[in-house]
Amino acid sequence: MNRFAALLDRLAYEPGRNNKLRLLAAYFREVGDPDRGFALAALTGALSFKHAKPGLIRDLIAARTDPVLFGLSYDYVGDLSETVALMWPKAPSSATAGQPPPTLTEVVTTLRTLGKTELPAQLSRWLDELEFIAETEDLVPDGIEQLTLGDRGLRATVRCHTGRPHNVIKGATYHRLAFHHHPDGYRATVILDV
């Protein structure tokens, strides 16, 4: 999966069409089947998962955070994937520490074979693992390029650098949320304890 993620990252930052074609050709030459086929399917939009729906990520974060705080954050950030990445709570520990990450084939097979009730727990474990790796290896996220879960596939790319993060907010609590009528419309006030 790391090789495919690296390909997506390089394609996102490569402006030239011919250079993108060279990156794709090198990837498909070096990677064996079935990863090669799944990568092609993902890149062309032909990869689909029965139970992976866009609202699933929203449901996962809603179950782990305060819904009003999530709503305010989502309204402010404007992007579901960025909001989830910023708000995903710290994982207590990792059961897979020291193990290699799953291959693209393992991820696709897991997403295809899990039932509707098992899929949310697996996605939560994968997101917890990413958070644990970032925490233990001093990876500071610079931003999410993409986190898309839908009928046509799953795609996530997170840019990071090594170091200690500055002023990381691990939690927030809101108090006294109120809406007030104002001559220009409505105004909201909230007190946040960060």
N, C-alpha and C. Protein backbone atom coordinates (compact mmCIF):
# COMPACT_ATOMS: atom_id res chain seq x y z
N MET A 1 0.82 -1.19 0.00
CA MET A 1 0.00 0.00 0.00
C MET A 1 0.87 1.25 0.00
N ASN A 2 2.04 1.18 0.66
CA ASN A 2 2.92 2.35 0.70
C ASN A 2 3.40 2.75 -0.68
N ARG A 3 3.68 1.76 -1.53
CA ARG A 3 4.15 2.08 -2.88
C ARG A 3 3.07 2.76 -3.69
N PHE A 4 1.84 2.29 -3.55
CA PHE A 4 0.72 2.92 -4.26
C PHE A 4 0.48 4.33 -3.73
N ALA A 5 0.54 4.50 -2.41
CA ALA A 5 0.37 5.83 -1.82
C ALA A 5 1.46 6.78 -2.32
N ALA A 6 2.69 6.28 -2.41
CA ALA A 6 3.80 7.11 -2.92
C ALA A 6 3.55 7.50 -4.38
N LEU A 7 3.03 6.57 -5.17
CA LEU A 7 2.70 6.88 -6.57
C LEU A 7 1.66 7.99 -6.63
N LEU A 8 0.60 7.86 -5.85
CA LEU A 8 -0.45 8.89 -5.85
C LEU A 8 0.11 10.25 -5.44
N ASP A 9 0.97 10.24 -4.44
CA ASP A 9 1.58 11.49 -3.98
C ASP A 9 2.42 12.13 -5.09
N ARG A 10 3.23 11.33 -5.75
CA ARG A 10 4.08 11.87 -6.81
C ARG A 10 3.25 12.34 -8.00
N LEU A 11 2.19 11.61 -8.33
CA LEU A 11 1.32 12.04 -9.43
C LEU A 11 0.63 13.36 -9.12
N ALA A 12 0.24 13.55 -7.86
CA ALA A 12 -0.45 14.77 -7.47
C ALA A 12 0.44 16.01 -7.63
N TYR A 13 1.75 15.84 -7.42
CA TYR A 13 2.66 16.99 -7.48
C TYR A 13 3.40 17.11 -8.81
N GLU A 14 3.22 16.17 -9.70
CA GLU A 14 3.91 16.20 -10.99
C GLU A 14 3.06 16.95 -12.01
N PRO A 15 3.55 18.11 -12.49
CA PRO A 15 2.74 18.88 -13.42
C PRO A 15 2.77 18.36 -14.86
N GLY A 16 3.85 17.71 -15.26
CA GLY A 16 4.00 17.32 -16.66
C GLY A 16 3.35 15.99 -17.00
N ARG A 17 2.61 15.94 -18.09
CA ARG A 17 1.93 14.72 -18.53
C ARG A 17 2.92 13.60 -18.81
N ASN A 18 4.00 13.89 -19.54
CA ASN A 18 4.97 12.84 -19.87
C ASN A 18 5.65 12.28 -18.62
N ASN A 19 5.94 13.13 -17.67
CA ASN A 19 6.54 12.65 -16.42
C ASN A 19 5.55 11.78 -15.64
N LYS A 20 4.27 12.13 -15.68
CA LYS A 20 3.26 11.29 -15.03
C LYS A 20 3.20 9.93 -15.70
N LEU A 21 3.28 9.92 -17.02
CA LEU A 21 3.27 8.64 -17.74
C LEU A 21 4.49 7.80 -17.38
N ARG A 22 5.65 8.43 -17.22
CA ARG A 22 6.86 7.71 -16.81
C ARG A 22 6.70 7.12 -15.41
N LEU A 23 6.11 7.90 -14.49
CA LEU A 23 5.87 7.39 -13.14
C LEU A 23 4.94 6.17 -13.17
N LEU A 24 3.88 6.26 -13.95
CA LEU A 24 2.94 5.14 -14.06
C LEU A 24 3.61 3.92 -14.67
N ALA A 25 4.37 4.13 -15.74
CA ALA A 25 5.04 3.00 -16.39
C ALA A 25 6.02 2.32 -15.44
N ALA A 26 6.77 3.11 -14.69
CA ALA A 26 7.73 2.53 -13.73
C ALA A 26 7.00 1.74 -12.64
N TYR A 27 5.91 2.29 -12.15
CA TYR A 27 5.14 1.60 -11.11
C TYR A 27 4.61 0.26 -11.63
N PHE A 28 3.98 0.29 -12.78
CA PHE A 28 3.38 -0.95 -13.32
C PHE A 28 4.44 -1.97 -13.73
N ARG A 29 5.63 -1.52 -14.06
CA ARG A 29 6.72 -2.43 -14.40
C ARG A 29 7.28 -3.11 -13.14
N GLU A 30 7.35 -2.37 -12.04
CA GLU A 30 7.99 -2.87 -10.82
C GLU A 30 7.05 -3.63 -9.88
N VAL A 31 5.76 -3.35 -9.95
CA VAL A 31 4.80 -3.96 -9.02
C VAL A 31 4.14 -5.16 -9.68
N GLY A 32 4.03 -6.24 -8.92
CA GLY A 32 3.45 -7.46 -9.47
C GLY A 32 1.93 -7.50 -9.34
N ASP A 33 1.37 -8.55 -9.90
CA ASP A 33 -0.06 -8.79 -9.79
C ASP A 33 -0.34 -9.38 -8.41
N PRO A 34 -1.47 -9.20 -7.82
CA PRO A 34 -2.63 -8.44 -8.28
C PRO A 34 -2.59 -6.95 -7.92
N ASP A 35 -1.56 -6.51 -7.17
CA ASP A 35 -1.48 -5.08 -6.82
C ASP A 35 -1.53 -4.19 -8.06
N ARG A 36 -0.88 -4.61 -9.11
CA ARG A 36 -0.86 -3.83 -10.35
C ARG A 36 -2.28 -3.63 -10.88
N GLY A 37 -3.06 -4.69 -10.89
CA GLY A 37 -4.44 -4.60 -11.38
C GLY A 37 -5.32 -3.73 -10.49
N PHE A 38 -5.17 -3.88 -9.18
CA PHE A 38 -5.97 -3.05 -8.27
C PHE A 38 -5.58 -1.58 -8.39
N ALA A 39 -4.29 -1.31 -8.59
CA ALA A 39 -3.85 0.07 -8.76
C ALA A 39 -4.47 0.68 -10.02
N LEU A 40 -4.45 -0.07 -11.10
CA LEU A 40 -5.05 0.41 -12.35
C LEU A 40 -6.54 0.65 -12.17
N ALA A 41 -7.22 -0.27 -11.49
CA ALA A 41 -8.66 -0.11 -11.25
C ALA A 41 -8.93 1.14 -10.40
N ALA A 42 -8.11 1.37 -9.37
CA ALA A 42 -8.30 2.54 -8.52
C ALA A 42 -8.05 3.83 -9.29
N LEU A 43 -7.01 3.84 -10.10
CA LEU A 43 -6.68 5.04 -10.87
C LEU A 43 -7.72 5.38 -11.93
N THR A 44 -8.38 4.37 -12.46
CA THR A 44 -9.37 4.61 -13.51
C THR A 44 -10.79 4.71 -12.99
N GLY A 45 -10.97 4.58 -11.68
CA GLY A 45 -12.29 4.69 -11.10
C GLY A 45 -13.13 3.43 -11.23
N ALA A 46 -12.49 2.31 -11.55
CA ALA A 46 -13.22 1.06 -11.75
C ALA A 46 -13.26 0.19 -10.50
N LEU A 47 -12.71 0.65 -9.41
CA LEU A 47 -12.67 -0.13 -8.16
C LEU A 47 -13.86 0.29 -7.31
N SER A 48 -14.67 -0.66 -6.90
CA SER A 48 -15.83 -0.31 -6.08
C SER A 48 -15.95 -1.28 -4.91
N PHE A 49 -16.58 -0.79 -3.86
CA PHE A 49 -16.80 -1.58 -2.65
C PHE A 49 -18.27 -1.49 -2.29
N LYS A 50 -18.86 -2.63 -2.01
CA LYS A 50 -20.30 -2.71 -1.77
C LYS A 50 -20.77 -1.88 -0.57
N HIS A 51 -20.03 -1.96 0.52
CA HIS A 51 -20.50 -1.33 1.76
C HIS A 51 -19.79 -0.03 2.10
N ALA A 52 -18.84 0.38 1.31
CA ALA A 52 -18.11 1.61 1.60
C ALA A 52 -18.86 2.79 0.99
N LYS A 53 -19.53 3.53 1.82
CA LYS A 53 -20.32 4.68 1.38
C LYS A 53 -19.73 5.95 1.98
N PRO A 54 -19.89 7.09 1.31
CA PRO A 54 -19.28 8.34 1.79
C PRO A 54 -19.65 8.72 3.22
N GLY A 55 -20.85 8.42 3.65
CA GLY A 55 -21.27 8.80 5.00
C GLY A 55 -20.60 8.00 6.10
N LEU A 56 -19.91 6.92 5.74
CA LEU A 56 -19.30 6.06 6.75
C LEU A 56 -18.21 6.80 7.54
N ILE A 57 -17.36 7.55 6.86
CA ILE A 57 -16.30 8.31 7.55
C ILE A 57 -16.94 9.33 8.48
N ARG A 58 -17.99 10.00 8.03
CA ARG A 58 -18.68 10.97 8.88
C ARG A 58 -19.25 10.29 10.12
N ASP A 59 -19.83 9.11 9.94
CA ASP A 59 -20.38 8.36 11.07
C ASP A 59 -19.28 7.95 12.06
N LEU A 60 -18.11 7.57 11.54
CA LEU A 60 -17.01 7.15 12.42
C LEU A 60 -16.53 8.29 13.30
N ILE A 61 -16.35 9.48 12.72
CA ILE A 61 -15.86 10.60 13.51
C ILE A 61 -16.96 11.09 14.46
N ALA A 62 -18.21 11.01 14.04
CA ALA A 62 -19.31 11.45 14.91
C ALA A 62 -19.41 10.57 16.15
N ALA A 63 -19.06 9.30 16.02
CA ALA A 63 -19.11 8.40 17.16
C ALA A 63 -17.96 8.63 18.14
N ARG A 64 -16.90 9.32 17.71
CA ARG A 64 -15.72 9.51 18.55
C ARG A 64 -15.55 10.94 19.07
N THR A 65 -16.35 11.85 18.57
CA THR A 65 -16.20 13.25 18.99
C THR A 65 -17.57 13.84 19.31
N ASP A 66 -17.57 15.00 19.87
CA ASP A 66 -18.80 15.71 20.14
C ASP A 66 -19.42 16.16 18.81
N PRO A 67 -20.69 15.87 18.57
CA PRO A 67 -21.30 16.20 17.28
C PRO A 67 -21.36 17.70 16.99
N VAL A 68 -21.58 18.52 18.01
CA VAL A 68 -21.63 19.97 17.78
C VAL A 68 -20.24 20.49 17.44
N LEU A 69 -19.22 20.02 18.17
CA LEU A 69 -17.85 20.43 17.88
C LEU A 69 -17.45 19.98 16.47
N PHE A 70 -17.83 18.74 16.11
CA PHE A 70 -17.54 18.27 14.76
C PHE A 70 -18.23 19.16 13.72
N GLY A 71 -19.49 19.50 13.95
CA GLY A 71 -20.21 20.35 13.00
C GLY A 71 -19.55 21.71 12.84
N LEU A 72 -19.17 22.31 13.97
CA LEU A 72 -18.49 23.61 13.90
C LEU A 72 -17.15 23.49 13.17
N SER A 73 -16.41 22.43 13.48
CA SER A 73 -15.11 22.23 12.83
C SER A 73 -15.27 22.00 11.34
N TYR A 74 -16.23 21.18 10.97
CA TYR A 74 -16.48 20.88 9.55
C TYR A 74 -16.88 22.15 8.80
N ASP A 75 -17.74 22.96 9.43
CA ASP A 75 -18.13 24.22 8.80
C ASP A 75 -16.93 25.14 8.60
N TYR A 76 -16.03 25.17 9.58
CA TYR A 76 -14.86 26.04 9.50
C TYR A 76 -13.84 25.53 8.48
N VAL A 77 -13.53 24.24 8.55
CA VAL A 77 -12.50 23.66 7.67
C VAL A 77 -13.04 23.53 6.25
N GLY A 78 -14.28 23.09 6.13
CA GLY A 78 -14.90 23.01 4.81
C GLY A 78 -14.64 21.73 4.04
N ASP A 79 -13.91 20.80 4.63
CA ASP A 79 -13.59 19.55 3.94
C ASP A 79 -13.66 18.42 4.95
N LEU A 80 -14.42 17.39 4.61
CA LEU A 80 -14.62 16.28 5.56
C LEU A 80 -13.31 15.59 5.89
N SER A 81 -12.48 15.29 4.89
CA SER A 81 -11.25 14.56 5.15
C SER A 81 -10.29 15.36 6.04
N GLU A 82 -10.18 16.65 5.79
CA GLU A 82 -9.31 17.48 6.63
C GLU A 82 -9.84 17.54 8.06
N THR A 83 -11.16 17.67 8.21
CA THR A 83 -11.76 17.74 9.54
C THR A 83 -11.53 16.45 10.31
N VAL A 84 -11.73 15.32 9.65
CA VAL A 84 -11.51 14.03 10.30
C VAL A 84 -10.06 13.88 10.71
N ALA A 85 -9.14 14.26 9.83
CA ALA A 85 -7.72 14.14 10.15
C ALA A 85 -7.34 15.00 11.35
N LEU A 86 -7.92 16.17 11.44
CA LEU A 86 -7.60 17.06 12.55
C LEU A 86 -8.24 16.61 13.86
N MET A 87 -9.38 15.96 13.79
CA MET A 87 -10.13 15.63 15.00
C MET A 87 -9.99 14.18 15.44
N TRP A 88 -9.41 13.30 14.62
CA TRP A 88 -9.36 11.88 14.99
C TRP A 88 -8.62 11.73 16.32
N PRO A 89 -9.26 11.13 17.33
CA PRO A 89 -8.63 11.04 18.65
C PRO A 89 -7.42 10.11 18.67
N LYS A 90 -6.58 10.35 19.64
CA LYS A 90 -5.35 9.56 19.79
C LYS A 90 -5.68 8.10 20.05
N ALA A 91 -4.98 7.22 19.35
CA ALA A 91 -5.15 5.78 19.55
C ALA A 91 -4.44 5.37 20.82
N PRO A 92 -5.07 4.52 21.66
CA PRO A 92 -4.45 4.13 22.93
C PRO A 92 -3.17 3.33 22.73
N SER A 93 -3.13 2.44 21.77
CA SER A 93 -1.95 1.64 21.49
C SER A 93 -2.15 0.99 20.13
N SER A 94 -1.14 0.31 19.67
CA SER A 94 -1.24 -0.35 18.38
C SER A 94 -0.99 -1.83 18.53
N ALA A 95 -1.93 -2.61 18.05
CA ALA A 95 -1.77 -4.07 18.08
C ALA A 95 -0.86 -4.54 16.95
N THR A 96 -0.64 -3.68 15.96
CA THR A 96 0.16 -4.09 14.81
C THR A 96 1.51 -3.39 14.76
N ALA A 97 1.96 -2.82 15.87
CA ALA A 97 3.25 -2.13 15.89
C ALA A 97 4.36 -3.08 15.46
N GLY A 98 5.20 -2.61 14.58
CA GLY A 98 6.32 -3.41 14.11
C GLY A 98 5.99 -4.29 12.91
N GLN A 99 4.72 -4.41 12.58
CA GLN A 99 4.33 -5.20 11.42
C GLN A 99 4.31 -4.31 10.19
N PRO A 100 4.57 -4.89 9.02
CA PRO A 100 4.52 -4.08 7.81
C PRO A 100 3.09 -3.66 7.49
N PRO A 101 2.92 -2.53 6.82
CA PRO A 101 1.57 -2.10 6.47
C PRO A 101 0.95 -3.07 5.47
N PRO A 102 -0.38 -3.10 5.40
CA PRO A 102 -1.01 -4.01 4.45
C PRO A 102 -0.70 -3.64 3.01
N THR A 103 -0.69 -4.63 2.14
CA THR A 103 -0.49 -4.36 0.72
C THR A 103 -1.79 -3.82 0.14
N LEU A 104 -1.71 -3.28 -1.05
CA LEU A 104 -2.90 -2.80 -1.73
C LEU A 104 -3.91 -3.93 -1.90
N THR A 105 -3.43 -5.11 -2.23
CA THR A 105 -4.31 -6.27 -2.38
C THR A 105 -5.01 -6.60 -1.07
N GLU A 106 -4.28 -6.55 0.05
CA GLU A 106 -4.89 -6.83 1.35
C GLU A 106 -5.97 -5.81 1.71
N VAL A 107 -5.71 -4.54 1.40
CA VAL A 107 -6.69 -3.50 1.68
C VAL A 107 -7.94 -3.71 0.84
N VAL A 108 -7.76 -3.92 -0.46
CA VAL A 108 -8.91 -4.10 -1.35
C VAL A 108 -9.69 -5.35 -0.97
N THR A 109 -9.00 -6.44 -0.71
CA THR A 109 -9.67 -7.68 -0.32
C THR A 109 -10.46 -7.49 0.97
N THR A 110 -9.87 -6.81 1.93
CA THR A 110 -10.56 -6.55 3.19
C THR A 110 -11.81 -5.70 2.97
N LEU A 111 -11.68 -4.64 2.19
CA LEU A 111 -12.83 -3.77 1.94
C LEU A 111 -13.93 -4.48 1.16
N ARG A 112 -13.54 -5.40 0.30
CA ARG A 112 -14.54 -6.13 -0.50
C ARG A 112 -15.22 -7.25 0.29
N THR A 113 -14.52 -7.87 1.21
CA THR A 113 -15.08 -9.05 1.87
C THR A 113 -15.77 -8.76 3.19
N LEU A 114 -15.45 -7.65 3.82
CA LEU A 114 -16.09 -7.35 5.11
C LEU A 114 -17.56 -6.99 4.90
N GLY A 115 -18.36 -7.42 5.84
CA GLY A 115 -19.78 -7.09 5.80
C GLY A 115 -20.01 -5.65 6.25
N LYS A 116 -21.22 -5.22 6.07
CA LYS A 116 -21.59 -3.85 6.41
C LYS A 116 -21.36 -3.53 7.88
N THR A 117 -21.52 -4.51 8.75
CA THR A 117 -21.35 -4.27 10.18
C THR A 117 -19.89 -4.31 10.61
N GLU A 118 -19.02 -5.03 9.88
CA GLU A 118 -17.61 -5.14 10.25
C GLU A 118 -16.75 -4.01 9.67
N LEU A 119 -17.19 -3.41 8.57
CA LEU A 119 -16.37 -2.41 7.87
C LEU A 119 -16.03 -1.19 8.74
N PRO A 120 -16.97 -0.61 9.47
CA PRO A 120 -16.61 0.57 10.29
C PRO A 120 -15.51 0.27 11.30
N ALA A 121 -15.55 -0.89 11.93
CA ALA A 121 -14.51 -1.23 12.92
C ALA A 121 -13.14 -1.35 12.26
N GLN A 122 -13.08 -1.94 11.06
CA GLN A 122 -11.79 -2.08 10.37
C GLN A 122 -11.25 -0.72 9.95
N LEU A 123 -12.10 0.14 9.41
CA LEU A 123 -11.64 1.49 9.03
C LEU A 123 -11.15 2.25 10.26
N SER A 124 -11.84 2.09 11.37
CA SER A 124 -11.39 2.74 12.62
C SER A 124 -10.03 2.22 13.04
N ARG A 125 -9.80 0.90 12.92
CA ARG A 125 -8.49 0.33 13.28
C ARG A 125 -7.40 0.90 12.38
N TRP A 126 -7.68 1.00 11.08
CA TRP A 126 -6.67 1.55 10.16
C TRP A 126 -6.38 3.02 10.49
N LEU A 127 -7.41 3.81 10.77
CA LEU A 127 -7.18 5.21 11.12
C LEU A 127 -6.44 5.33 12.45
N ASP A 128 -6.79 4.46 13.41
CA ASP A 128 -6.05 4.44 14.68
C ASP A 128 -4.58 4.11 14.45
N GLU A 129 -4.32 3.15 13.58
CA GLU A 129 -2.94 2.75 13.28
C GLU A 129 -2.15 3.91 12.66
N LEU A 130 -2.78 4.62 11.74
CA LEU A 130 -2.11 5.78 11.13
C LEU A 130 -1.79 6.83 12.19
N GLU A 131 -2.74 7.07 13.09
CA GLU A 131 -2.52 8.04 14.15
C GLU A 131 -1.41 7.57 15.09
N PHE A 132 -1.38 6.28 15.42
CA PHE A 132 -0.35 5.72 16.29
C PHE A 132 1.04 5.85 15.65
N ILE A 133 1.13 5.53 14.36
CA ILE A 133 2.42 5.65 13.66
C ILE A 133 2.90 7.10 13.69
N ALA A 134 2.00 8.02 13.42
CA ALA A 134 2.37 9.43 13.44
C ALA A 134 2.87 9.85 14.82
N GLU A 135 2.20 9.36 15.85
CA GLU A 135 2.57 9.74 17.22
C GLU A 135 3.90 9.14 17.65
N THR A 136 4.14 7.87 17.33
CA THR A 136 5.33 7.19 17.81
C THR A 136 6.57 7.45 16.96
N GLU A 137 6.39 7.82 15.72
CA GLU A 137 7.54 8.07 14.85
C GLU A 137 7.78 9.55 14.62
N ASP A 138 7.18 10.38 15.46
CA ASP A 138 7.34 11.83 15.38
C ASP A 138 7.07 12.36 13.98
N LEU A 139 5.97 11.91 13.40
CA LEU A 139 5.54 12.43 12.10
C LEU A 139 4.56 13.56 12.34
N VAL A 140 4.83 14.69 11.73
CA VAL A 140 3.95 15.84 11.86
C VAL A 140 3.18 15.97 10.55
N PRO A 141 1.86 15.81 10.61
CA PRO A 141 1.10 15.93 9.37
C PRO A 141 1.10 17.37 8.86
N ASP A 142 1.39 17.52 7.58
CA ASP A 142 1.33 18.83 6.95
C ASP A 142 -0.03 19.07 6.33
N GLY A 143 -0.74 18.03 6.04
CA GLY A 143 -2.07 18.17 5.46
C GLY A 143 -2.48 16.89 4.77
N ILE A 144 -3.74 16.80 4.53
CA ILE A 144 -4.28 15.65 3.80
C ILE A 144 -4.50 16.07 2.36
N GLU A 145 -3.95 15.29 1.48
CA GLU A 145 -4.18 15.55 0.07
C GLU A 145 -5.56 15.08 -0.30
N GLN A 146 -5.93 13.92 0.22
CA GLN A 146 -7.21 13.36 -0.16
C GLN A 146 -7.58 12.23 0.80
N LEU A 147 -8.84 12.17 1.16
CA LEU A 147 -9.40 11.04 1.90
C LEU A 147 -10.80 10.88 1.36
N THR A 148 -10.97 9.93 0.48
CA THR A 148 -12.25 9.75 -0.18
C THR A 148 -12.67 8.30 -0.03
N LEU A 149 -13.85 8.09 0.46
CA LEU A 149 -14.42 6.76 0.58
C LEU A 149 -15.78 6.81 -0.09
N GLY A 150 -15.96 6.01 -1.09
CA GLY A 150 -17.22 6.00 -1.80
C GLY A 150 -17.43 4.71 -2.55
N ASP A 151 -18.46 4.69 -3.38
CA ASP A 151 -18.77 3.50 -4.16
C ASP A 151 -17.62 3.08 -5.06
N ARG A 152 -16.79 4.05 -5.46
CA ARG A 152 -15.75 3.76 -6.44
C ARG A 152 -14.38 3.52 -5.83
N GLY A 153 -14.25 3.56 -4.51
CA GLY A 153 -12.96 3.23 -3.92
C GLY A 153 -12.63 4.02 -2.68
N LEU A 154 -11.44 3.75 -2.17
CA LEU A 154 -10.90 4.42 -1.00
C LEU A 154 -9.56 5.01 -1.40
N ARG A 155 -9.35 6.28 -1.09
CA ARG A 155 -8.09 6.92 -1.41
C ARG A 155 -7.73 7.87 -0.29
N ALA A 156 -6.49 7.78 0.17
CA ALA A 156 -6.02 8.68 1.23
C ALA A 156 -4.55 8.97 1.01
N THR A 157 -4.19 10.24 1.13
CA THR A 157 -2.79 10.64 1.07
C THR A 157 -2.57 11.72 2.12
N VAL A 158 -1.61 11.49 3.00
CA VAL A 158 -1.28 12.45 4.05
C VAL A 158 0.17 12.87 3.86
N ARG A 159 0.41 14.17 3.76
CA ARG A 159 1.78 14.69 3.69
C ARG A 159 2.28 14.88 5.12
N CYS A 160 3.51 14.43 5.40
CA CYS A 160 4.10 14.55 6.73
C CYS A 160 5.57 14.92 6.63
N HIS A 161 6.09 15.39 7.73
CA HIS A 161 7.53 15.54 7.89
C HIS A 161 7.88 15.08 9.31
N THR A 162 9.13 14.74 9.54
CA THR A 162 9.52 14.30 10.87
C THR A 162 9.81 15.50 11.76
N GLY A 163 9.54 15.35 13.02
CA GLY A 163 9.76 16.43 13.98
C GLY A 163 8.70 16.39 15.05
N ARG A 164 8.74 17.34 15.93
CA ARG A 164 7.76 17.46 17.00
C ARG A 164 6.72 18.51 16.60
N PRO A 165 5.44 18.16 16.70
CA PRO A 165 4.42 19.15 16.33
C PRO A 165 4.36 20.28 17.35
N HIS A 166 3.99 21.46 16.87
CA HIS A 166 3.85 22.62 17.74
C HIS A 166 2.37 22.81 18.05
N ASN A 167 2.07 23.01 19.32
CA ASN A 167 0.73 23.36 19.75
C ASN A 167 -0.34 22.41 19.20
N VAL A 168 -0.15 21.12 19.39
CA VAL A 168 -1.14 20.16 18.93
C VAL A 168 -2.32 20.19 19.89
N ILE A 169 -3.50 20.31 19.34
CA ILE A 169 -4.72 20.29 20.13
C ILE A 169 -5.23 18.87 20.13
N LYS A 170 -5.27 18.26 21.30
CA LYS A 170 -5.74 16.88 21.42
C LYS A 170 -7.20 16.81 21.80
N GLY A 171 -7.78 17.93 22.20
CA GLY A 171 -9.19 17.90 22.56
C GLY A 171 -9.70 19.29 22.83
N ALA A 172 -11.00 19.46 22.73
CA ALA A 172 -11.63 20.74 23.01
C ALA A 172 -13.02 20.48 23.56
N THR A 173 -13.46 21.36 24.43
CA THR A 173 -14.80 21.29 24.99
C THR A 173 -15.46 22.64 24.77
N TYR A 174 -16.72 22.62 24.37
CA TYR A 174 -17.41 23.88 24.18
C TYR A 174 -18.40 24.12 25.31
N HIS A 175 -18.65 25.40 25.59
CA HIS A 175 -19.59 25.80 26.63
C HIS A 175 -20.40 26.98 26.11
N ARG A 176 -21.58 27.12 26.62
CA ARG A 176 -22.43 28.29 26.38
C ARG A 176 -22.59 28.64 24.90
N LEU A 177 -22.90 27.63 24.09
CA LEU A 177 -23.20 27.88 22.69
C LEU A 177 -24.55 28.59 22.62
N ALA A 178 -24.57 29.73 21.94
CA ALA A 178 -25.81 30.50 21.87
C ALA A 178 -25.89 31.23 20.53
N PHE A 179 -27.11 31.38 20.04
CA PHE A 179 -27.38 32.15 18.83
C PHE A 179 -28.19 33.37 19.23
N HIS A 180 -27.81 34.53 18.70
CA HIS A 180 -28.47 35.78 19.06
C HIS A 180 -28.95 36.47 17.80
N HIS A 181 -30.16 37.01 17.87
CA HIS A 181 -30.67 37.79 16.74
C HIS A 181 -29.91 39.11 16.70
N HIS A 182 -29.52 39.50 15.52
CA HIS A 182 -28.76 40.72 15.31
C HIS A 182 -29.38 41.45 14.13
N PRO A 183 -29.27 42.78 14.03
CA PRO A 183 -29.87 43.47 12.88
C PRO A 183 -29.40 42.93 11.52
N ASP A 184 -28.18 42.41 11.47
CA ASP A 184 -27.66 41.87 10.21
C ASP A 184 -28.04 40.41 10.00
N GLY A 185 -28.70 39.79 10.95
CA GLY A 185 -29.03 38.36 10.87
C GLY A 185 -28.88 37.73 12.24
N TYR A 186 -28.13 36.68 12.32
CA TYR A 186 -27.88 35.98 13.58
C TYR A 186 -26.39 35.91 13.84
N ARG A 187 -26.05 35.92 15.11
CA ARG A 187 -24.65 35.73 15.52
C ARG A 187 -24.60 34.60 16.54
N ALA A 188 -23.51 33.86 16.49
CA ALA A 188 -23.32 32.75 17.44
C ALA A 188 -22.13 33.07 18.32
N THR A 189 -22.23 32.63 19.57
CA THR A 189 -21.09 32.72 20.48
C THR A 189 -20.86 31.35 21.09
N VAL A 190 -19.62 31.07 21.35
CA VAL A 190 -19.25 29.80 21.98
C VAL A 190 -17.95 30.03 22.73
N ILE A 191 -17.79 29.35 23.83
CA ILE A 191 -16.54 29.38 24.58
C ILE A 191 -15.90 28.01 24.42
N LEU A 192 -14.67 27.99 23.96
CA LEU A 192 -13.94 26.74 23.77
C LEU A 192 -12.83 26.63 24.79
N ASP A 193 -12.75 25.48 25.46
CA ASP A 193 -11.63 25.16 26.33
C ASP A 193 -10.74 24.21 25.54
N VAL A 194 -9.55 24.68 25.19
CA VAL A 194 -8.65 23.87 24.37
C VAL A 194 -7.50 23.39 25.21
